[in-house]
Protein backbone atom coordinates (compact mmCIF):
# COMPACT_ATOMS: atom_id res chain seq x y z
CA MET A 1 13.17 9.60 -12.33
CA ASP A 2 12.37 12.05 -15.08
CA LEU A 3 8.97 11.05 -16.44
CA GLN A 4 9.14 13.61 -19.23
CA ASN A 5 11.91 11.60 -20.90
CA LYS A 6 10.14 8.23 -20.59
CA THR A 7 8.38 6.57 -23.47
CA ILE A 8 4.67 5.89 -23.28
CA GLU A 9 5.48 2.17 -22.87
CA GLU A 10 7.77 2.93 -19.90
CA LYS A 11 5.06 5.08 -18.33
CA ILE A 12 2.48 2.32 -18.79
CA LYS A 13 4.86 -0.17 -17.13
CA LEU A 14 5.27 2.23 -14.21
CA ILE A 15 1.50 2.53 -13.81
CA GLU A 16 1.14 -1.25 -13.98
CA SER A 17 3.85 -1.62 -11.35
CA LEU A 18 2.10 0.84 -9.03
CA ASP A 19 -1.23 -0.95 -9.55
CA ASN A 20 0.47 -4.25 -8.71
CA HIS A 21 2.00 -2.69 -5.59
CA LYS A 22 -1.47 -1.58 -4.48
CA LYS A 23 -3.09 -4.98 -5.15
CA ASN A 24 -0.29 -7.00 -3.52
CA PHE A 25 0.71 -4.62 -0.75
CA ILE A 26 2.97 -6.26 1.82
CA GLU A 27 3.18 -4.60 5.20
CA LEU A 28 6.85 -4.62 6.21
CA PRO A 29 7.74 -4.73 9.92
CA ASP A 30 9.90 -1.58 9.90
CA PHE A 31 7.53 1.36 10.34
CA ARG A 32 9.64 3.82 8.36
CA GLU A 33 9.93 1.42 5.42
CA PHE A 34 6.18 0.82 5.70
CA LEU A 35 5.67 4.62 5.36
CA VAL A 36 7.81 4.64 2.19
CA ASP A 37 5.71 1.83 0.68
CA CYS A 38 2.46 3.53 1.68
CA LYS A 39 3.49 6.71 -0.15
CA LEU A 40 3.20 4.73 -3.39
CA LEU A 41 -0.50 4.18 -2.68
CA PRO A 42 -3.38 6.63 -3.24
CA SER A 43 -3.95 8.92 -0.24
CA GLN A 44 -7.40 7.41 0.43
CA VAL A 45 -5.67 4.04 0.83
CA TYR A 46 -2.50 4.95 2.74
CA GLY A 47 -4.31 7.03 5.37
CA VAL A 48 -6.33 4.05 6.57
CA LYS A 49 -3.36 1.65 6.35
CA ILE A 50 -1.12 3.92 8.42
CA GLN A 51 -3.89 4.53 10.97
CA LYS A 52 -4.54 0.80 11.39
CA ARG A 53 -0.82 0.09 11.73
CA TRP A 54 -0.43 2.88 14.30
CA VAL A 55 -3.33 1.48 16.36
CA LYS A 56 -1.92 -2.06 16.18
CA ASP A 57 1.70 -1.09 16.96
CA HIS A 58 0.67 0.99 19.98
CA GLN A 59 -1.98 -1.47 21.16
CA PHE A 60 -4.77 1.09 21.15
CA SER A 61 -8.42 0.06 21.04
CA GLY A 62 -10.17 0.94 17.79
CA VAL A 63 -13.46 2.84 17.82
CA LYS A 64 -16.38 2.01 15.53
CA SER A 65 -16.99 4.82 13.06
CA THR A 66 -20.72 4.76 13.88
CA LEU A 67 -19.88 6.15 17.34
CA ASN A 68 -18.41 9.32 15.77
CA ARG A 69 -15.77 9.39 18.54
CA GLY A 70 -12.56 9.34 16.51
CA ASP A 71 -10.38 6.41 15.51
CA TYR A 72 -9.09 4.87 18.73
CA ILE A 73 -8.96 5.03 22.50
CA ASP A 74 -5.66 5.74 24.26
CA LYS A 75 -6.18 4.96 27.93
CA GLU A 76 -9.39 6.96 28.47
CA SER A 77 -8.99 9.47 25.64
CA TYR A 78 -10.87 9.28 22.36
CA VAL A 79 -8.45 10.15 19.57
CA GLU A 80 -8.80 11.15 15.92
CA PHE A 81 -5.73 10.15 13.88
CA LYS A 82 -4.47 12.22 10.93
CA VAL A 83 -1.43 11.60 8.73
CA SER A 84 0.25 13.72 6.06
CA TYR A 85 3.38 13.47 3.93
CA ILE A 86 5.20 16.71 3.23
CA SER A 87 4.44 18.22 -0.17
CA ASP A 88 5.63 21.64 -1.35
CA ASN A 89 7.09 22.31 2.13
CA GLN A 90 3.77 21.80 3.89
CA TRP A 91 1.42 19.17 5.26
CA SER A 92 -2.34 19.10 4.75
CA LEU A 93 -4.75 17.64 7.26
CA LEU A 94 -8.25 17.05 5.95
CA GLN A 95 -11.64 16.34 7.46
CA ILE A 96 -11.06 17.84 10.88
CA ARG A 97 -14.47 17.57 12.53
CA PRO A 98 -14.79 19.81 15.60
CA TYR A 99 -18.32 18.49 16.17
CA GLN A 100 -16.95 15.02 17.02
CA ASP A 101 -16.89 14.02 20.67
CA ILE A 102 -13.15 13.36 20.96
CA ASP A 103 -10.41 14.39 23.36
CA ARG A 104 -7.46 14.95 21.02
CA TYR A 105 -5.99 14.68 17.56
CA ASP A 106 -2.88 12.60 16.95
CA ILE A 107 -1.19 14.16 13.92
CA LEU A 108 1.56 12.15 12.21
CA LEU A 109 3.70 14.34 9.94
CA ILE A 110 6.17 12.65 7.60
CA ASP A 111 9.12 14.49 6.07
CA LYS A 112 10.84 13.95 2.71
CA ASP A 113 13.18 11.35 4.24
CA PHE A 114 10.21 9.50 5.75
CA ASN A 115 11.10 10.45 9.30
CA TYR A 116 7.97 11.14 11.28
CA THR A 117 6.81 13.17 14.21
CA LEU A 118 3.59 12.73 16.15
CA TYR A 119 1.82 15.73 17.60
CA SER A 120 -0.87 15.03 20.20
CA ILE A 121 -3.11 18.08 20.11
CA PRO A 122 -6.03 18.44 22.53
CA LYS A 123 -9.31 19.09 20.71
CA ASP A 124 -9.76 22.56 22.26
CA GLU A 125 -6.26 23.55 21.08
CA MET A 126 -6.82 22.15 17.59
CA THR A 127 -9.93 24.26 17.09
CA LYS A 128 -7.91 27.39 18.01
CA LEU A 129 -5.61 26.87 15.00
CA GLU A 130 -6.24 28.55 11.65
CA LEU A 131 -8.62 26.01 10.12
CA ASP A 132 -10.16 26.43 6.67
CA VAL A 133 -13.41 24.93 5.43
CA CYS A 134 -12.64 21.63 3.73
CA HIS A 135 -15.67 21.43 1.45
CA GLY A 136 -17.53 24.42 0.05
CA THR A 137 -17.16 27.96 1.37
CA LYS A 138 -17.84 29.54 4.74
CA ASN A 139 -20.89 31.19 3.24
CA SER A 140 -22.27 27.98 1.72
CA ASN A 141 -21.77 26.24 5.07
CA LYS A 142 -23.32 28.94 7.28
CA ASP A 143 -26.34 26.76 8.13
CA ASN A 144 -24.38 23.50 8.28
CA GLN A 145 -23.98 22.09 11.80
CA ASN A 146 -21.26 19.56 10.87
CA ILE A 147 -18.58 21.37 8.91
CA GLU A 148 -15.33 19.61 8.07
CA TYR A 149 -12.12 21.65 8.10
CA ARG A 150 -8.61 21.43 6.78
CA TYR A 151 -5.40 22.55 8.40
CA THR A 152 -2.31 23.36 6.35
CA ILE A 153 0.97 23.36 8.25
CA LYS A 154 3.82 25.09 6.50
CA LYS A 155 7.27 23.72 7.35
CA ASN A 156 8.38 27.13 8.66
CA GLU A 157 5.30 27.31 10.92
CA LEU A 158 5.82 24.08 12.87
CA ASN A 159 6.51 26.19 15.96
CA LYS A 160 2.72 26.69 16.24
CA ILE A 161 2.29 23.04 17.23
CA GLU A 162 5.75 22.23 18.61
CA LYS A 163 4.55 22.16 22.22
CA PHE A 164 2.33 19.17 21.31
CA LYS A 165 5.21 17.07 19.98
CA SER A 166 5.08 13.50 21.24
CA ASP A 167 8.04 11.35 22.20
CA THR A 168 7.32 8.97 19.28
CA THR A 169 9.55 10.90 16.86
CA LEU A 170 11.96 9.16 14.44
CA PRO A 171 14.80 9.67 14.75
CA GLU A 172 14.49 11.10 18.25
CA GLY A 173 14.55 14.90 18.08
CA LYS A 174 15.82 14.97 14.48
CA PHE A 175 12.70 15.70 12.48
CA PHE A 176 14.38 18.19 10.15
């Protein structure tokens, strides 16, 4: 769809349609189709929806945010869940909090065809990756005890986390 060639009325209709999609969101049973529908939502909305669906589908136990122990428990492990759709040949993971008392990060990366791969990365391995400060600068955060980080994964650098690939990939072994 070429938005540049649309009239203002057509653009307004598109915005109204997206607003309606957000207000009347229907969670479809097929997870991949659910991911497509979530992409039409703002990132602050789809991240929580996908996380809740992941927890429900895998029968994990949710964790109260006041505990500061991640998003769910998998067996005996406290897990922080992150999700990112590919954009400009990379994924961005925000608000990585090394100060949290968790055991691992479950990172769901979604490609342009809405296939997904889960990477289960132990906390100590995650903090070894090239993380950047999420808010402010390193200098402005020098006295901050609870710094949030971001991690950008370029498509051609997936080998850095490949060893953490989970068996919950769709389709199996055919991420790219």
